[in-house]
């Protein structure tokens, strides 16, 4: 991505030098810390119910947080949860059985203050 000052210079808004010129970039390393079952459950026990619901769905489906939050009620059909992943565009059908079925039932049984297409809502 080009710094905004380059774009401003390109459009003729400034002739000032780039203040970041010569500054070495910061390189991050990926994380590899494993969250234990105990840590997961302790966080979930103190979390708002919407966060706990999202945590359970992420754990049981293996989906990224953004993909979990965009699940709509209409994505549940024919005994499966149908997901299109944001990052890869992959289309998945995850069978709704066992713990996943129980979590979805719990979410759907909760009273709602407003009607929404999304499964996770406050």
Protein backbone atom coordinates (compact mmCIF):
# COMPACT_ATOMS: atom_id res chain seq x y z
CA UNK A 1 0.00 0.00 0.00
CA UNK A 2 1.35 3.39 -0.92
CA UNK A 3 1.59 5.96 1.85
CA UNK A 4 -0.95 8.78 1.56
CA UNK A 5 1.79 11.36 1.12
CA UNK A 6 2.81 9.67 -2.14
CA UNK A 7 -0.77 9.94 -3.35
CA UNK A 8 -0.98 13.59 -2.24
CA UNK A 9 2.24 14.30 -4.15
CA UNK A 10 0.91 12.43 -7.19
CA UNK A 11 -2.27 14.54 -7.14
CA UNK A 12 -0.29 17.77 -6.74
CA UNK A 13 -1.45 18.56 -3.18
CA UNK A 14 2.09 18.69 -1.75
CA UNK A 15 5.73 18.72 -2.72
CA UNK A 16 6.91 17.91 0.82
CA UNK A 17 9.24 14.94 1.25
CA UNK A 18 7.83 11.76 2.72
CA UNK A 19 8.50 11.90 6.50
CA UNK A 20 8.70 8.10 6.59
CA UNK A 21 11.46 7.94 4.02
CA UNK A 22 14.30 5.81 5.37
CA UNK A 23 12.37 4.52 8.39
CA UNK A 24 12.76 0.78 8.64
CA UNK A 25 9.47 -1.12 8.76
CA UNK A 26 8.45 -3.25 11.73
CA UNK A 27 8.20 -6.97 11.02
CA UNK A 28 5.77 -8.96 13.14
CA UNK A 29 6.07 -12.65 13.74
CA UNK A 30 3.03 -14.89 13.81
CA UNK A 31 1.58 -16.17 17.05
CA UNK A 32 1.67 -19.83 17.93
CA UNK A 33 0.27 -19.85 21.46
CA UNK A 34 -2.25 -22.60 22.12
CA UNK A 35 -5.27 -21.65 24.25
CA UNK A 36 -5.98 -24.47 26.67
CA UNK A 37 -9.47 -25.84 27.25
CA UNK A 38 -9.39 -24.42 30.78
CA UNK A 39 -8.46 -20.93 29.55
CA UNK A 40 -11.16 -21.10 26.88
CA UNK A 41 -13.82 -22.07 29.43
CA UNK A 42 -12.73 -19.41 31.95
CA UNK A 43 -12.95 -16.65 29.34
CA UNK A 44 -16.30 -17.97 28.12
CA UNK A 45 -17.66 -18.06 31.69
CA UNK A 46 -17.07 -14.30 32.07
CA UNK A 47 -18.00 -13.27 28.53
CA UNK A 48 -21.24 -11.74 27.29
CA UNK A 49 -23.53 -14.44 25.89
CA UNK A 50 -22.96 -13.28 22.31
CA UNK A 51 -19.20 -13.70 22.74
CA UNK A 52 -19.69 -17.13 24.34
CA UNK A 53 -21.96 -18.14 21.44
CA UNK A 54 -19.37 -16.98 18.90
CA UNK A 55 -16.60 -18.80 20.78
CA UNK A 56 -18.58 -22.04 20.75
CA UNK A 57 -19.43 -21.73 17.05
CA UNK A 58 -15.80 -20.97 16.17
CA UNK A 59 -14.58 -23.94 18.21
CA UNK A 60 -17.12 -26.38 16.79
CA UNK A 61 -16.89 -25.26 13.15
CA UNK A 62 -13.21 -24.32 12.94
CA UNK A 63 -14.10 -21.00 11.31
CA UNK A 64 -12.43 -17.62 11.69
CA UNK A 65 -14.15 -15.05 13.94
CA UNK A 66 -15.31 -12.90 11.00
CA UNK A 67 -16.85 -15.93 9.30
CA UNK A 68 -18.67 -16.92 12.50
CA UNK A 69 -20.11 -13.44 12.99
CA UNK A 70 -21.52 -13.28 9.47
CA UNK A 71 -23.48 -16.55 9.75
CA UNK A 72 -27.12 -15.90 8.91
CA UNK A 73 -30.13 -17.97 9.85
CA UNK A 74 -30.65 -18.65 6.15
CA UNK A 75 -27.22 -20.36 6.10
CA UNK A 76 -28.78 -23.19 8.13
CA UNK A 77 -30.61 -25.55 5.78
CA UNK A 78 -30.85 -29.22 4.90
CA UNK A 79 -29.26 -30.19 8.23
CA UNK A 80 -26.07 -28.26 7.54
CA UNK A 81 -24.46 -24.89 8.13
CA UNK A 82 -23.42 -23.44 4.76
CA UNK A 83 -20.49 -21.02 4.92
CA UNK A 84 -18.48 -19.07 2.35
CA UNK A 85 -15.18 -18.12 3.96
CA UNK A 86 -14.12 -14.48 3.68
CA UNK A 87 -10.40 -15.11 3.32
CA UNK A 88 -10.35 -18.03 0.89
CA UNK A 89 -13.80 -17.90 -0.71
CA UNK A 90 -14.11 -21.62 0.06
CA UNK A 91 -17.67 -22.94 0.32
CA UNK A 92 -18.30 -25.34 3.18
CA UNK A 93 -21.20 -27.39 4.38
CA UNK A 94 -20.87 -28.37 8.05
CA UNK A 95 -23.28 -31.00 9.30
CA UNK A 96 -25.31 -29.80 12.27
CA UNK A 97 -25.16 -32.59 14.84
CA UNK A 98 -24.15 -33.12 18.45
CA UNK A 99 -22.67 -30.13 20.26
CA UNK A 100 -23.05 -27.84 17.23
CA UNK A 101 -26.78 -28.62 17.08
CA UNK A 102 -27.08 -27.91 20.82
CA UNK A 103 -25.29 -24.54 20.48
CA UNK A 104 -27.48 -23.48 17.55
CA UNK A 105 -30.61 -24.57 19.45
CA UNK A 106 -29.44 -22.57 22.48
CA UNK A 107 -28.87 -19.48 20.34
CA UNK A 108 -32.24 -19.79 18.59
CA UNK A 109 -34.11 -20.36 21.87
CA UNK A 110 -32.81 -17.13 23.41
CA UNK A 111 -35.36 -14.26 23.37
CA UNK A 112 -34.44 -11.46 20.97
CA UNK A 113 -35.07 -7.76 21.25
CA UNK A 114 -35.03 -7.26 17.49
CA UNK A 115 -35.38 -9.42 14.40
CA UNK A 116 -32.12 -9.98 12.55
CA UNK A 117 -30.94 -12.24 9.76
CA UNK A 118 -27.76 -12.99 11.71
CA UNK A 119 -27.46 -15.96 14.03
CA UNK A 120 -25.28 -14.10 16.58
CA UNK A 121 -27.00 -10.99 17.88
CA UNK A 122 -27.26 -9.18 21.19
